[in-house]
């Protein structure tokens, strides 16, 4: 039993001596890798924020252009409707004038007939 405890103690001592003499460069490289990964993640977040900001700005510009185009189109439609109303009013006025002239001519002809008959 004593020998087994001594054997275990010897094995543990050897294991600890090999472990404590291990090179610490690997630990440094792990820290560097973590730092590099952190920096890369930060850069990726900044790039994504910039791209998102550019996309939002482009969308706002496009929406503004669409609104401007819609306002221009509505203005053109109002102008066209106003011109159509003016043309319709002119045509109606001309039709009324023509109807009045025709009625006046018809009344005159009938009056002349009546005068001629008397």
Protein backbone atom coordinates (compact mmCIF):
# COMPACT_ATOMS: atom_id res chain seq x y z
CA UNK A 1 0.00 0.00 0.00
CA UNK A 2 2.91 2.20 0.84
CA UNK A 3 4.46 1.49 -2.52
CA UNK A 4 1.29 2.41 -4.39
CA UNK A 5 1.09 5.76 -2.55
CA UNK A 6 4.73 6.43 -3.30
CA UNK A 7 4.24 5.44 -6.93
CA UNK A 8 1.26 7.75 -7.24
CA UNK A 9 3.21 10.57 -5.57
CA UNK A 10 6.11 10.01 -7.96
CA UNK A 11 3.83 10.04 -11.02
CA UNK A 12 2.10 13.23 -9.83
CA UNK A 13 5.44 14.92 -9.18
CA UNK A 14 6.65 14.03 -12.66
CA UNK A 15 3.39 15.22 -14.19
CA UNK A 16 3.63 18.51 -12.33
CA UNK A 17 7.23 19.05 -13.33
CA UNK A 18 6.45 18.48 -17.01
CA UNK A 19 3.40 20.75 -16.76
CA UNK A 20 5.22 23.58 -14.99
CA UNK A 21 8.04 23.60 -17.56
CA UNK A 22 5.61 24.08 -20.38
CA UNK A 23 6.27 26.98 -22.78
CA UNK A 24 4.07 30.04 -22.16
CA UNK A 25 4.21 31.20 -25.78
CA UNK A 26 1.02 29.30 -26.48
CA UNK A 27 -0.79 31.24 -23.77
CA UNK A 28 0.48 34.50 -25.28
CA UNK A 29 -0.64 33.43 -28.73
CA UNK A 30 -4.08 32.56 -27.40
CA UNK A 31 -4.34 36.03 -25.85
CA UNK A 32 -3.24 37.57 -29.15
CA UNK A 33 -5.77 35.48 -31.03
CA UNK A 34 -8.56 36.59 -28.69
CA UNK A 35 -7.47 40.22 -29.03
CA UNK A 36 -7.32 39.92 -32.83
CA UNK A 37 -10.74 38.28 -32.92
CA UNK A 38 -12.14 41.05 -30.72
CA UNK A 39 -10.69 43.73 -32.99
CA UNK A 40 -12.01 41.94 -36.09
CA UNK A 41 -15.47 41.70 -34.53
CA UNK A 42 -15.37 45.42 -33.66
CA UNK A 43 -14.32 46.26 -37.22
CA UNK A 44 -17.12 44.09 -38.59
CA UNK A 45 -19.68 45.84 -36.38
CA UNK A 46 -18.42 49.26 -37.49
CA UNK A 47 -18.54 48.23 -41.15
CA UNK A 48 -22.06 46.85 -40.74
CA UNK A 49 -23.19 50.06 -39.05
CA UNK A 50 -21.70 52.13 -41.86
CA UNK A 51 -23.33 50.00 -44.56
CA UNK A 52 -26.66 50.14 -42.72
CA UNK A 53 -26.37 53.91 -42.38
CA UNK A 54 -25.61 54.24 -46.09
CA UNK A 55 -28.58 52.02 -46.96
CA UNK A 56 -30.93 54.05 -44.77
CA UNK A 57 -29.63 57.30 -46.28
CA UNK A 58 -30.15 55.93 -49.80
CA UNK A 59 -33.67 54.81 -48.91
CA UNK A 60 -34.50 58.24 -47.50
CA UNK A 61 -33.14 59.92 -50.63
CA UNK A 62 -35.14 57.59 -52.87
CA UNK A 63 -38.31 58.23 -50.87
CA UNK A 64 -37.74 61.99 -51.12
CA UNK A 65 -37.26 61.72 -54.88
CA UNK A 66 -40.46 59.67 -55.17
CA UNK A 67 -42.40 62.26 -53.18
CA UNK A 68 -41.01 65.06 -55.36
CA UNK A 69 -42.01 63.15 -58.50
CA UNK A 70 -45.49 62.52 -57.12
CA UNK A 71 -45.91 66.22 -56.28
CA UNK A 72 -44.77 67.19 -59.78
CA UNK A 73 -47.15 64.68 -61.36
CA UNK A 74 -50.04 65.92 -59.22
CA UNK A 75 -49.25 69.52 -60.20
CA UNK A 76 -49.21 68.54 -63.88
CA UNK A 77 -52.55 66.74 -63.45
CA UNK A 78 -54.08 69.80 -61.77
CA UNK A 79 -52.81 72.03 -64.58
CA UNK A 80 -54.21 69.66 -67.20
CA UNK A 81 -57.56 69.52 -65.39
CA UNK A 82 -57.64 73.32 -65.20
CA UNK A 83 -56.93 73.56 -68.94
CA UNK A 84 -59.67 71.02 -69.65
CA UNK A 85 -62.15 73.01 -67.54
CA UNK A 86 -61.22 76.23 -69.33
CA UNK A 87 -61.60 74.54 -72.73
CA UNK A 88 -64.95 73.08 -71.69
CA UNK A 89 -66.13 76.48 -70.45
CA UNK A 90 -65.01 78.13 -73.70
CA UNK A 91 -66.76 75.45 -75.74
CA UNK A 92 -69.94 75.81 -73.67
CA UNK A 93 -69.80 79.59 -74.09
CA UNK A 94 -69.34 79.24 -77.83
CA UNK A 95 -72.23 76.77 -77.99
CA UNK A 96 -74.49 79.18 -76.04
CA UNK A 97 -73.48 82.11 -78.28
CA UNK A 98 -74.12 80.01 -81.36
CA UNK A 99 -77.51 78.87 -80.02
CA UNK A 100 -78.44 82.47 -79.22
CA UNK A 101 -77.41 83.63 -82.69
CA UNK A 102 -79.40 80.80 -84.28
CA UNK A 103 -82.42 81.58 -82.11
CA UNK A 104 -82.11 85.30 -82.91
CA UNK A 105 -81.88 84.51 -86.63
CA UNK A 106 -84.91 82.23 -86.42
CA UNK A 107 -86.93 84.87 -84.53
CA UNK A 108 -85.88 87.50 -87.09
CA UNK A 109 -86.92 85.28 -89.98
CA UNK A 110 -90.28 84.62 -88.38
CA UNK A 111 -90.72 88.33 -87.67
CA UNK A 112 -89.85 89.17 -91.27
CA UNK A 113 -92.39 86.56 -92.46
CA UNK A 114 -95.05 88.03 -90.26
CA UNK A 115 -94.28 91.55 -91.51
CA UNK A 116 -94.34 90.35 -95.07
CA UNK A 117 -97.67 88.65 -94.57
CA UNK A 118 -99.29 91.80 -93.12
